[in-house]
All heavy atoms as atom14 arrays in JSON, in Angstrom:
{
  "sequence": "FTGDSVSEVFTDCSLHSIGHLLASLLFTTGCILFLQEPTQQEDSKSL",
  "atom14_mask": [
    [1, 1, 1, 1, 1, 1, 1, 1, 1, 1, 1, 0, 0, 0],
    [1, 1, 1, 1, 1, 1, 1, 0, 0, 0, 0, 0, 0, 0],
    [1, 1, 1, 1, 0, 0, 0, 0, 0, 0, 0, 0, 0, 0],
    [1, 1, 1, 1, 1, 1, 1, 1, 0, 0, 0, 0, 0, 0],
    [1, 1, 1, 1, 1, 1, 0, 0, 0, 0, 0, 0, 0, 0],
    [1, 1, 1, 1, 1, 1, 1, 0, 0, 0, 0, 0, 0, 0],
    [1, 1, 1, 1, 1, 1, 0, 0, 0, 0, 0, 0, 0, 0],
    [1, 1, 1, 1, 1, 1, 1, 1, 1, 0, 0, 0, 0, 0],
    [1, 1, 1, 1, 1, 1, 1, 0, 0, 0, 0, 0, 0, 0],
    [1, 1, 1, 1, 1, 1, 1, 1, 1, 1, 1, 0, 0, 0],
    [1, 1, 1, 1, 1, 1, 1, 0, 0, 0, 0, 0, 0, 0],
    [1, 1, 1, 1, 1, 1, 1, 1, 0, 0, 0, 0, 0, 0],
    [1, 1, 1, 1, 1, 1, 0, 0, 0, 0, 0, 0, 0, 0],
    [1, 1, 1, 1, 1, 1, 0, 0, 0, 0, 0, 0, 0, 0],
    [1, 1, 1, 1, 1, 1, 1, 1, 0, 0, 0, 0, 0, 0],
    [1, 1, 1, 1, 1, 1, 1, 1, 1, 1, 0, 0, 0, 0],
    [1, 1, 1, 1, 1, 1, 0, 0, 0, 0, 0, 0, 0, 0],
    [1, 1, 1, 1, 1, 1, 1, 1, 0, 0, 0, 0, 0, 0],
    [1, 1, 1, 1, 0, 0, 0, 0, 0, 0, 0, 0, 0, 0],
    [1, 1, 1, 1, 1, 1, 1, 1, 1, 1, 0, 0, 0, 0],
    [1, 1, 1, 1, 1, 1, 1, 1, 0, 0, 0, 0, 0, 0],
    [1, 1, 1, 1, 1, 1, 1, 1, 0, 0, 0, 0, 0, 0],
    [1, 1, 1, 1, 1, 0, 0, 0, 0, 0, 0, 0, 0, 0],
    [1, 1, 1, 1, 1, 1, 0, 0, 0, 0, 0, 0, 0, 0],
    [1, 1, 1, 1, 1, 1, 1, 1, 0, 0, 0, 0, 0, 0],
    [1, 1, 1, 1, 1, 1, 1, 1, 0, 0, 0, 0, 0, 0],
    [1, 1, 1, 1, 1, 1, 1, 1, 1, 1, 1, 0, 0, 0],
    [1, 1, 1, 1, 1, 1, 1, 0, 0, 0, 0, 0, 0, 0],
    [1, 1, 1, 1, 1, 1, 1, 0, 0, 0, 0, 0, 0, 0],
    [1, 1, 1, 1, 0, 0, 0, 0, 0, 0, 0, 0, 0, 0],
    [1, 1, 1, 1, 1, 1, 0, 0, 0, 0, 0, 0, 0, 0],
    [1, 1, 1, 1, 1, 1, 1, 1, 0, 0, 0, 0, 0, 0],
    [1, 1, 1, 1, 1, 1, 1, 1, 0, 0, 0, 0, 0, 0],
    [1, 1, 1, 1, 1, 1, 1, 1, 1, 1, 1, 0, 0, 0],
    [1, 1, 1, 1, 1, 1, 1, 1, 0, 0, 0, 0, 0, 0],
    [1, 1, 1, 1, 1, 1, 1, 1, 1, 0, 0, 0, 0, 0],
    [1, 1, 1, 1, 1, 1, 1, 1, 1, 0, 0, 0, 0, 0],
    [1, 1, 1, 1, 1, 1, 1, 0, 0, 0, 0, 0, 0, 0],
    [1, 1, 1, 1, 1, 1, 1, 0, 0, 0, 0, 0, 0, 0],
    [1, 1, 1, 1, 1, 1, 1, 1, 1, 0, 0, 0, 0, 0],
    [1, 1, 1, 1, 1, 1, 1, 1, 1, 0, 0, 0, 0, 0],
    [1, 1, 1, 1, 1, 1, 1, 1, 1, 0, 0, 0, 0, 0],
    [1, 1, 1, 1, 1, 1, 1, 1, 0, 0, 0, 0, 0, 0],
    [1, 1, 1, 1, 1, 1, 0, 0, 0, 0, 0, 0, 0, 0],
    [1, 1, 1, 1, 1, 1, 1, 1, 1, 0, 0, 0, 0, 0],
    [1, 1, 1, 1, 1, 1, 0, 0, 0, 0, 0, 0, 0, 0],
    [1, 1, 1, 1, 1, 1, 1, 1, 0, 0, 0, 0, 0, 0]
  ],
  "atom14_positions": [
    [[2.82, 2.27, 8.25], [2.85, 0.82, 8.4], [3.92, 0.16, 7.56], [4.57, -0.78, 7.95], [1.49, 0.21, 8.06], [0.48, 0.31, 9.16], [-0.73, 0.92, 8.95], [0.74, -0.19, 10.43], [-1.68, 1.02, 9.95], [-0.19, -0.09, 11.45], [-1.39, 0.52, 11.21], [0.0, 0.0, 0.0], [0.0, 0.0, 0.0], [0.0, 0.0, 0.0]],
    [[4.14, 0.7, 6.34], [5.2, 0.16, 5.48], [6.58, 0.4, 6.11], [7.41, -0.48, 6.1], [5.11, 0.8, 4.07], [3.82, 0.51, 3.51], [6.18, 0.26, 3.15], [0.0, 0.0, 0.0], [0.0, 0.0, 0.0], [0.0, 0.0, 0.0], [0.0, 0.0, 0.0], [0.0, 0.0, 0.0], [0.0, 0.0, 0.0], [0.0, 0.0, 0.0]],
    [[6.79, 1.6, 6.62], [8.05, 1.88, 7.28], [8.27, 0.97, 8.5], [9.39, 0.48, 8.72], [0.0, 0.0, 0.0], [0.0, 0.0, 0.0], [0.0, 0.0, 0.0], [0.0, 0.0, 0.0], [0.0, 0.0, 0.0], [0.0, 0.0, 0.0], [0.0, 0.0, 0.0], [0.0, 0.0, 0.0], [0.0, 0.0, 0.0], [0.0, 0.0, 0.0]],
    [[7.21, 0.72, 9.24], [7.32, -0.19, 10.39], [7.66, -1.58, 9.95], [8.46, -2.28, 10.57], [6.01, -0.17, 11.18], [6.06, -1.05, 12.4], [7.02, -0.92, 13.2], [5.13, -1.88, 12.56], [0.0, 0.0, 0.0], [0.0, 0.0, 0.0], [0.0, 0.0, 0.0], [0.0, 0.0, 0.0], [0.0, 0.0, 0.0], [0.0, 0.0, 0.0]],
    [[7.04, -2.05, 8.86], [7.31, -3.41, 8.4], [8.71, -3.54, 7.81], [9.34, -4.59, 7.91], [6.24, -3.87, 7.4], [6.25, -3.06, 6.24], [0.0, 0.0, 0.0], [0.0, 0.0, 0.0], [0.0, 0.0, 0.0], [0.0, 0.0, 0.0], [0.0, 0.0, 0.0], [0.0, 0.0, 0.0], [0.0, 0.0, 0.0], [0.0, 0.0, 0.0]],
    [[9.24, -2.45, 7.21], [10.63, -2.48, 6.72], [11.57, -2.64, 7.92], [12.52, -3.45, 7.88], [10.96, -1.2, 5.91], [12.44, -1.05, 5.69], [10.21, -1.22, 4.59], [0.0, 0.0, 0.0], [0.0, 0.0, 0.0], [0.0, 0.0, 0.0], [0.0, 0.0, 0.0], [0.0, 0.0, 0.0], [0.0, 0.0, 0.0], [0.0, 0.0, 0.0]],
    [[11.35, -1.88, 8.98], [12.21, -2.01, 10.16], [12.05, -3.38, 10.8], [13.03, -3.93, 11.34], [11.91, -0.89, 11.16], [10.64, -1.07, 11.75], [0.0, 0.0, 0.0], [0.0, 0.0, 0.0], [0.0, 0.0, 0.0], [0.0, 0.0, 0.0], [0.0, 0.0, 0.0], [0.0, 0.0, 0.0], [0.0, 0.0, 0.0], [0.0, 0.0, 0.0]],
    [[10.87, -3.95, 10.74], [10.63, -5.3, 11.27], [11.45, -6.34, 10.5], [12.01, -7.25, 11.11], [9.14, -5.63, 11.2], [8.8, -6.99, 11.77], [7.31, -7.31, 11.62], [6.56, -6.56, 10.98], [6.9, -8.37, 12.14], [0.0, 0.0, 0.0], [0.0, 0.0, 0.0], [0.0, 0.0, 0.0], [0.0, 0.0, 0.0], [0.0, 0.0, 0.0]],
    [[11.52, -6.18, 9.17], [12.32, -7.11, 8.35], [13.79, -7.0, 8.71], [14.5, -8.01, 8.77], [12.06, -6.87, 6.85], [13.08, -7.59, 6.0], [10.66, -7.32, 6.46], [0.0, 0.0, 0.0], [0.0, 0.0, 0.0], [0.0, 0.0, 0.0], [0.0, 0.0, 0.0], [0.0, 0.0, 0.0], [0.0, 0.0, 0.0], [0.0, 0.0, 0.0]],
    [[14.28, -5.78, 8.94], [15.68, -5.61, 9.27], [16.04, -6.13, 10.65], [17.15, -6.64, 10.88], [16.1, -4.14, 9.15], [16.33, -3.69, 7.74], [15.62, -2.62, 7.23], [17.23, -4.34, 6.93], [15.81, -2.2, 5.93], [17.44, -3.93, 5.62], [16.73, -2.86, 5.12], [0.0, 0.0, 0.0], [0.0, 0.0, 0.0], [0.0, 0.0, 0.0]],
    [[15.13, -6.05, 11.6], [15.44, -6.52, 12.94], [15.16, -7.99, 13.13], [15.9, -8.68, 13.85], [14.62, -5.74, 13.99], [13.25, -5.87, 13.73], [15.0, -4.28, 14.03], [0.0, 0.0, 0.0], [0.0, 0.0, 0.0], [0.0, 0.0, 0.0], [0.0, 0.0, 0.0], [0.0, 0.0, 0.0], [0.0, 0.0, 0.0], [0.0, 0.0, 0.0]],
    [[14.15, -8.53, 12.47], [13.77, -9.94, 12.64], [13.29, -10.48, 11.29], [12.09, -10.48, 11.03], [12.69, -10.09, 13.71], [12.22, -11.54, 13.84], [13.06, -12.44, 13.69], [11.03, -11.73, 14.13], [0.0, 0.0, 0.0], [0.0, 0.0, 0.0], [0.0, 0.0, 0.0], [0.0, 0.0, 0.0], [0.0, 0.0, 0.0], [0.0, 0.0, 0.0]],
    [[14.21, -10.89, 10.46], [13.83, -11.35, 9.1], [13.25, -12.76, 9.22], [13.96, -13.74, 9.37], [15.04, -11.33, 8.17], [14.61, -11.64, 6.48], [0.0, 0.0, 0.0], [0.0, 0.0, 0.0], [0.0, 0.0, 0.0], [0.0, 0.0, 0.0], [0.0, 0.0, 0.0], [0.0, 0.0, 0.0], [0.0, 0.0, 0.0], [0.0, 0.0, 0.0]],
    [[11.93, -12.82, 9.14], [11.24, -14.09, 9.18], [10.16, -14.09, 8.09], [9.9, -13.08, 7.45], [10.59, -14.32, 10.55], [9.57, -13.36, 10.77], [0.0, 0.0, 0.0], [0.0, 0.0, 0.0], [0.0, 0.0, 0.0], [0.0, 0.0, 0.0], [0.0, 0.0, 0.0], [0.0, 0.0, 0.0], [0.0, 0.0, 0.0], [0.0, 0.0, 0.0]],
    [[9.55, -15.24, 7.88], [8.48, -15.35, 6.9], [7.31, -14.42, 7.26], [6.72, -13.79, 6.38], [8.02, -16.79, 6.78], [7.02, -17.1, 5.66], [7.62, -16.75, 4.29], [6.65, -18.57, 5.7], [0.0, 0.0, 0.0], [0.0, 0.0, 0.0], [0.0, 0.0, 0.0], [0.0, 0.0, 0.0], [0.0, 0.0, 0.0], [0.0, 0.0, 0.0]],
    [[7.04, -14.32, 8.54], [5.96, -13.44, 9.0], [6.26, -12.0, 8.7], [5.37, -11.25, 8.22], [5.74, -13.64, 10.51], [4.68, -12.76, 11.1], [3.36, -12.97, 10.88], [4.82, -11.65, 11.83], [2.69, -12.01, 11.5], [3.55, -11.2, 12.09], [0.0, 0.0, 0.0], [0.0, 0.0, 0.0], [0.0, 0.0, 0.0], [0.0, 0.0, 0.0]],
    [[7.48, -11.53, 8.97], [7.81, -10.14, 8.73], [7.85, -9.81, 7.23], [7.47, -8.72, 6.82], [9.14, -9.77, 9.4], [10.2, -10.51, 8.85], [0.0, 0.0, 0.0], [0.0, 0.0, 0.0], [0.0, 0.0, 0.0], [0.0, 0.0, 0.0], [0.0, 0.0, 0.0], [0.0, 0.0, 0.0], [0.0, 0.0, 0.0], [0.0, 0.0, 0.0]],
    [[8.28, -10.77, 6.42], [8.27, -10.55, 4.95], [6.84, -10.48, 4.45], [6.53, -9.65, 3.6], [9.1, -11.64, 4.25], [10.58, -11.48, 4.6], [8.9, -11.58, 2.74], [11.46, -12.6, 4.15], [0.0, 0.0, 0.0], [0.0, 0.0, 0.0], [0.0, 0.0, 0.0], [0.0, 0.0, 0.0], [0.0, 0.0, 0.0], [0.0, 0.0, 0.0]],
    [[5.96, -11.31, 4.97], [4.54, -11.24, 4.61], [3.93, -9.91, 5.0], [3.12, -9.34, 4.28], [0.0, 0.0, 0.0], [0.0, 0.0, 0.0], [0.0, 0.0, 0.0], [0.0, 0.0, 0.0], [0.0, 0.0, 0.0], [0.0, 0.0, 0.0], [0.0, 0.0, 0.0], [0.0, 0.0, 0.0], [0.0, 0.0, 0.0], [0.0, 0.0, 0.0]],
    [[4.3, -9.43, 6.18], [3.82, -8.15, 6.66], [4.3, -7.02, 5.73], [3.52, -6.11, 5.39], [4.3, -7.92, 8.08], [3.72, -6.73, 8.76], [4.45, -5.97, 9.63], [2.5, -6.12, 8.68], [3.72, -4.98, 10.06], [2.54, -5.04, 9.49], [0.0, 0.0, 0.0], [0.0, 0.0, 0.0], [0.0, 0.0, 0.0], [0.0, 0.0, 0.0]],
    [[5.55, -7.09, 5.28], [6.08, -6.09, 4.37], [5.37, -6.14, 3.03], [4.99, -5.11, 2.49], [7.6, -6.31, 4.18], [8.27, -5.42, 3.13], [8.15, -3.96, 3.55], [9.7, -5.82, 2.94], [0.0, 0.0, 0.0], [0.0, 0.0, 0.0], [0.0, 0.0, 0.0], [0.0, 0.0, 0.0], [0.0, 0.0, 0.0], [0.0, 0.0, 0.0]],
    [[5.14, -7.34, 2.51], [4.46, -7.46, 1.23], [3.02, -6.89, 1.32], [2.58, -6.17, 0.44], [4.42, -8.91, 0.81], [3.7, -9.22, -0.5], [4.4, -8.53, -1.67], [3.66, -10.71, -0.74], [0.0, 0.0, 0.0], [0.0, 0.0, 0.0], [0.0, 0.0, 0.0], [0.0, 0.0, 0.0], [0.0, 0.0, 0.0], [0.0, 0.0, 0.0]],
    [[2.33, -7.22, 2.4], [0.97, -6.72, 2.58], [0.96, -5.19, 2.69], [0.1, -4.53, 2.1], [0.36, -7.33, 3.84], [0.0, 0.0, 0.0], [0.0, 0.0, 0.0], [0.0, 0.0, 0.0], [0.0, 0.0, 0.0], [0.0, 0.0, 0.0], [0.0, 0.0, 0.0], [0.0, 0.0, 0.0], [0.0, 0.0, 0.0], [0.0, 0.0, 0.0]],
    [[1.92, -4.63, 3.39], [2.0, -3.18, 3.56], [2.28, -2.49, 2.2], [1.69, -1.46, 1.9], [3.09, -2.79, 4.53], [2.77, -3.28, 5.81], [0.0, 0.0, 0.0], [0.0, 0.0, 0.0], [0.0, 0.0, 0.0], [0.0, 0.0, 0.0], [0.0, 0.0, 0.0], [0.0, 0.0, 0.0], [0.0, 0.0, 0.0], [0.0, 0.0, 0.0]],
    [[3.18, -3.08, 1.41], [3.48, -2.49, 0.1], [2.28, -2.55, -0.84], [2.01, -1.6, -1.54], [4.66, -3.24, -0.52], [6.02, -2.95, 0.14], [7.09, -3.88, -0.47], [6.42, -1.5, -0.03], [0.0, 0.0, 0.0], [0.0, 0.0, 0.0], [0.0, 0.0, 0.0], [0.0, 0.0, 0.0], [0.0, 0.0, 0.0], [0.0, 0.0, 0.0]],
    [[1.55, -3.65, -0.81], [0.34, -3.76, -1.63], [-0.72, -2.79, -1.2], [-1.4, -2.15, -2.01], [-0.22, -5.19, -1.59], [0.63, -6.24, -2.3], [0.09, -7.64, -2.02], [0.68, -5.97, -3.79], [0.0, 0.0, 0.0], [0.0, 0.0, 0.0], [0.0, 0.0, 0.0], [0.0, 0.0, 0.0], [0.0, 0.0, 0.0], [0.0, 0.0, 0.0]],
    [[-0.86, -2.62, 0.11], [-1.84, -1.68, 0.66], [-1.49, -0.25, 0.26], [-2.37, 0.54, -0.13], [-1.88, -1.84, 2.19], [-3.08, -1.22, 2.81], [-4.32, -1.77, 2.7], [-2.94, -0.06, 3.56], [-5.42, -1.2, 3.31], [-4.03, 0.53, 4.17], [-5.27, -0.05, 4.03], [0.0, 0.0, 0.0], [0.0, 0.0, 0.0], [0.0, 0.0, 0.0]],
    [[-0.21, 0.1, 0.37], [0.25, 1.43, -0.01], [0.01, 1.69, -1.48], [-0.42, 2.76, -1.88], [1.72, 1.64, 0.36], [1.86, 1.44, 1.77], [2.2, 3.02, 0.01], [0.0, 0.0, 0.0], [0.0, 0.0, 0.0], [0.0, 0.0, 0.0], [0.0, 0.0, 0.0], [0.0, 0.0, 0.0], [0.0, 0.0, 0.0], [0.0, 0.0, 0.0]],
    [[0.31, 0.7, -2.31], [0.07, 0.82, -3.76], [-1.4, 1.06, -4.04], [-1.76, 1.91, -4.86], [0.57, -0.44, -4.48], [1.94, -0.64, -4.19], [0.36, -0.33, -5.98], [0.0, 0.0, 0.0], [0.0, 0.0, 0.0], [0.0, 0.0, 0.0], [0.0, 0.0, 0.0], [0.0, 0.0, 0.0], [0.0, 0.0, 0.0], [0.0, 0.0, 0.0]],
    [[-2.28, 0.35, -3.36], [-3.71, 0.55, -3.53], [-4.15, 1.93, -3.11], [-4.98, 2.54, -3.76], [0.0, 0.0, 0.0], [0.0, 0.0, 0.0], [0.0, 0.0, 0.0], [0.0, 0.0, 0.0], [0.0, 0.0, 0.0], [0.0, 0.0, 0.0], [0.0, 0.0, 0.0], [0.0, 0.0, 0.0], [0.0, 0.0, 0.0], [0.0, 0.0, 0.0]],
    [[-3.55, 2.45, -2.04], [-3.87, 3.8, -1.59], [-3.47, 4.83, -2.63], [-4.18, 5.81, -2.9], [-3.18, 4.1, -0.26], [-3.84, 3.19, 1.12], [0.0, 0.0, 0.0], [0.0, 0.0, 0.0], [0.0, 0.0, 0.0], [0.0, 0.0, 0.0], [0.0, 0.0, 0.0], [0.0, 0.0, 0.0], [0.0, 0.0, 0.0], [0.0, 0.0, 0.0]],
    [[-2.3, 4.65, -3.26], [-1.84, 5.57, -4.28], [-2.81, 5.56, -5.46], [-3.14, 6.6, -6.04], [-0.4, 5.22, -4.71], [0.57, 5.53, -3.57], [0.0, 5.97, -5.97], [1.96, 4.99, -3.75], [0.0, 0.0, 0.0], [0.0, 0.0, 0.0], [0.0, 0.0, 0.0], [0.0, 0.0, 0.0], [0.0, 0.0, 0.0], [0.0, 0.0, 0.0]],
    [[-3.29, 4.39, -5.83], [-4.2, 4.28, -6.96], [-5.54, 4.94, -6.67], [-6.25, 5.36, -7.61], [-4.39, 2.81, -7.34], [-3.17, 2.11, -7.89], [-3.45, 0.64, -8.15], [-2.68, 2.79, -9.17], [0.0, 0.0, 0.0], [0.0, 0.0, 0.0], [0.0, 0.0, 0.0], [0.0, 0.0, 0.0], [0.0, 0.0, 0.0], [0.0, 0.0, 0.0]],
    [[-5.93, 5.06, -5.38], [-7.21, 5.69, -5.02], [-7.08, 7.21, -4.83], [-8.01, 7.85, -4.4], [-7.77, 5.07, -3.75], [-8.58, 3.84, -4.02], [-8.1, 2.6, -3.65], [-9.8, 3.91, -4.64], [-8.83, 1.46, -3.9], [-10.55, 2.78, -4.91], [-10.06, 1.55, -4.53], [0.0, 0.0, 0.0], [0.0, 0.0, 0.0], [0.0, 0.0, 0.0]],
    [[-5.92, 7.78, -5.14], [-5.73, 9.21, -4.91], [-6.31, 10.08, -6.03], [-5.95, 11.24, -6.13], [-4.25, 9.53, -4.74], [-3.68, 9.33, -3.37], [-2.2, 9.64, -3.34], [-4.4, 10.19, -2.34], [0.0, 0.0, 0.0], [0.0, 0.0, 0.0], [0.0, 0.0, 0.0], [0.0, 0.0, 0.0], [0.0, 0.0, 0.0], [0.0, 0.0, 0.0]],
    [[-7.19, 9.57, -6.82], [-7.83, 10.4, -7.86], [-8.69, 11.48, -7.19], [-9.28, 11.26, -6.13], [-8.75, 9.56, -8.71], [-8.09, 8.5, -9.52], [-9.12, 7.78, -10.36], [-9.95, 8.42, -10.96], [-9.06, 6.48, -10.37], [0.0, 0.0, 0.0], [0.0, 0.0, 0.0], [0.0, 0.0, 0.0], [0.0, 0.0, 0.0], [0.0, 0.0, 0.0]],
    [[-8.75, 12.61, -7.8], [-9.64, 13.66, -7.35], [-11.08, 13.22, -7.63], [-11.35, 12.56, -8.63], [-9.34, 14.98, -8.07], [-8.03, 15.59, -7.65], [-8.03, 16.07, -6.21], [-9.06, 16.58, -5.73], [-6.99, 15.92, -5.56], [0.0, 0.0, 0.0], [0.0, 0.0, 0.0], [0.0, 0.0, 0.0], [0.0, 0.0, 0.0], [0.0, 0.0, 0.0]],
    [[-12.04, 13.64, -6.8], [-13.46, 13.26, -7.05], [-13.95, 13.73, -8.4], [-14.76, 13.06, -9.04], [-14.21, 13.96, -5.91], [-13.17, 14.16, -4.84], [-11.87, 14.33, -5.55], [0.0, 0.0, 0.0], [0.0, 0.0, 0.0], [0.0, 0.0, 0.0], [0.0, 0.0, 0.0], [0.0, 0.0, 0.0], [0.0, 0.0, 0.0], [0.0, 0.0, 0.0]],
    [[-13.45, 14.86, -8.93], [-13.89, 15.33, -10.24], [-13.44, 14.39, -11.32], [-14.14, 14.17, -12.32], [-13.37, 16.74, -10.52], [-11.94, 16.75, -10.39], [-13.97, 17.73, -9.59], [0.0, 0.0, 0.0], [0.0, 0.0, 0.0], [0.0, 0.0, 0.0], [0.0, 0.0, 0.0], [0.0, 0.0, 0.0], [0.0, 0.0, 0.0], [0.0, 0.0, 0.0]],
    [[-12.26, 13.79, -11.18], [-11.77, 12.84, -12.16], [-12.65, 11.57, -12.13], [-12.93, 11.0, -13.16], [-10.33, 12.46, -11.88], [-9.34, 13.57, -12.13], [-7.94, 13.19, -11.7], [-7.73, 12.22, -10.98], [-6.97, 13.98, -12.11], [0.0, 0.0, 0.0], [0.0, 0.0, 0.0], [0.0, 0.0, 0.0], [0.0, 0.0, 0.0], [0.0, 0.0, 0.0]],
    [[-13.08, 11.19, -10.97], [-13.96, 10.0, -10.86], [-15.3, 10.28, -11.52], [-15.86, 9.41, -12.17], [-14.16, 9.61, -9.4], [-12.91, 9.03, -8.77], [-13.13, 8.7, -7.3], [-14.16, 9.03, -6.72], [-12.18, 8.03, -6.69], [0.0, 0.0, 0.0], [0.0, 0.0, 0.0], [0.0, 0.0, 0.0], [0.0, 0.0, 0.0], [0.0, 0.0, 0.0]],
    [[-15.85, 11.46, -11.33], [-17.13, 11.82, -11.94], [-17.01, 11.86, -13.46], [-17.93, 11.46, -14.15], [-17.63, 13.15, -11.39], [-18.04, 13.09, -9.93], [-18.34, 14.46, -9.36], [-18.39, 15.44, -10.14], [-18.56, 14.55, -8.14], [0.0, 0.0, 0.0], [0.0, 0.0, 0.0], [0.0, 0.0, 0.0], [0.0, 0.0, 0.0], [0.0, 0.0, 0.0]],
    [[-15.89, 12.35, -13.97], [-15.67, 12.4, -15.41], [-15.61, 10.99, -15.98], [-16.15, 10.74, -17.06], [-14.37, 13.13, -15.75], [-14.48, 14.64, -15.49], [-15.63, 15.12, -15.36], [-13.44, 15.28, -15.38], [0.0, 0.0, 0.0], [0.0, 0.0, 0.0], [0.0, 0.0, 0.0], [0.0, 0.0, 0.0], [0.0, 0.0, 0.0], [0.0, 0.0, 0.0]],
    [[-15.0, 10.05, -15.3], [-14.88, 8.69, -15.81], [-16.25, 8.0, -15.79], [-16.48, 7.08, -16.57], [-13.84, 7.9, -15.05], [-14.23, 7.72, -13.7], [0.0, 0.0, 0.0], [0.0, 0.0, 0.0], [0.0, 0.0, 0.0], [0.0, 0.0, 0.0], [0.0, 0.0, 0.0], [0.0, 0.0, 0.0], [0.0, 0.0, 0.0], [0.0, 0.0, 0.0]],
    [[-17.13, 8.36, -14.86], [-18.46, 7.76, -14.77], [-19.34, 8.19, -15.96], [-20.19, 7.47, -16.4], [-19.17, 8.13, -13.48], [-18.59, 7.47, -12.27], [-19.35, 7.92, -11.01], [-18.73, 7.35, -9.78], [-19.38, 7.83, -8.55], [0.0, 0.0, 0.0], [0.0, 0.0, 0.0], [0.0, 0.0, 0.0], [0.0, 0.0, 0.0], [0.0, 0.0, 0.0]],
    [[-19.08, 9.38, -16.47], [-19.93, 9.88, -17.56], [-19.54, 9.28, -18.93], [-20.26, 9.46, -19.89], [-19.85, 11.41, -17.65], [-18.52, 11.82, -17.95], [0.0, 0.0, 0.0], [0.0, 0.0, 0.0], [0.0, 0.0, 0.0], [0.0, 0.0, 0.0], [0.0, 0.0, 0.0], [0.0, 0.0, 0.0], [0.0, 0.0, 0.0], [0.0, 0.0, 0.0]],
    [[-18.41, 8.59, -18.99], [-18.0, 7.99, -20.27], [-18.75, 6.78, -20.62], [-19.3, 6.02, -20.2], [-16.48, 7.67, -20.24], [-15.58, 8.86, -20.16], [-14.14, 8.38, -20.07], [-15.72, 9.76, -21.37], [0.0, 0.0, 0.0], [0.0, 0.0, 0.0], [0.0, 0.0, 0.0], [0.0, 0.0, 0.0], [0.0, 0.0, 0.0], [0.0, 0.0, 0.0]]
  ]
}
């Protein structure tokens, strides 16, 4: 989705396409932050 929104900005640079790009980047960042292994999550719960 981020790649699609980057291409959308290059083909039609509008406020809508920039908002779509920003949302995609935030969503991707959130996905990266959730990439913890389940064992790491269990260890943090025990603290």
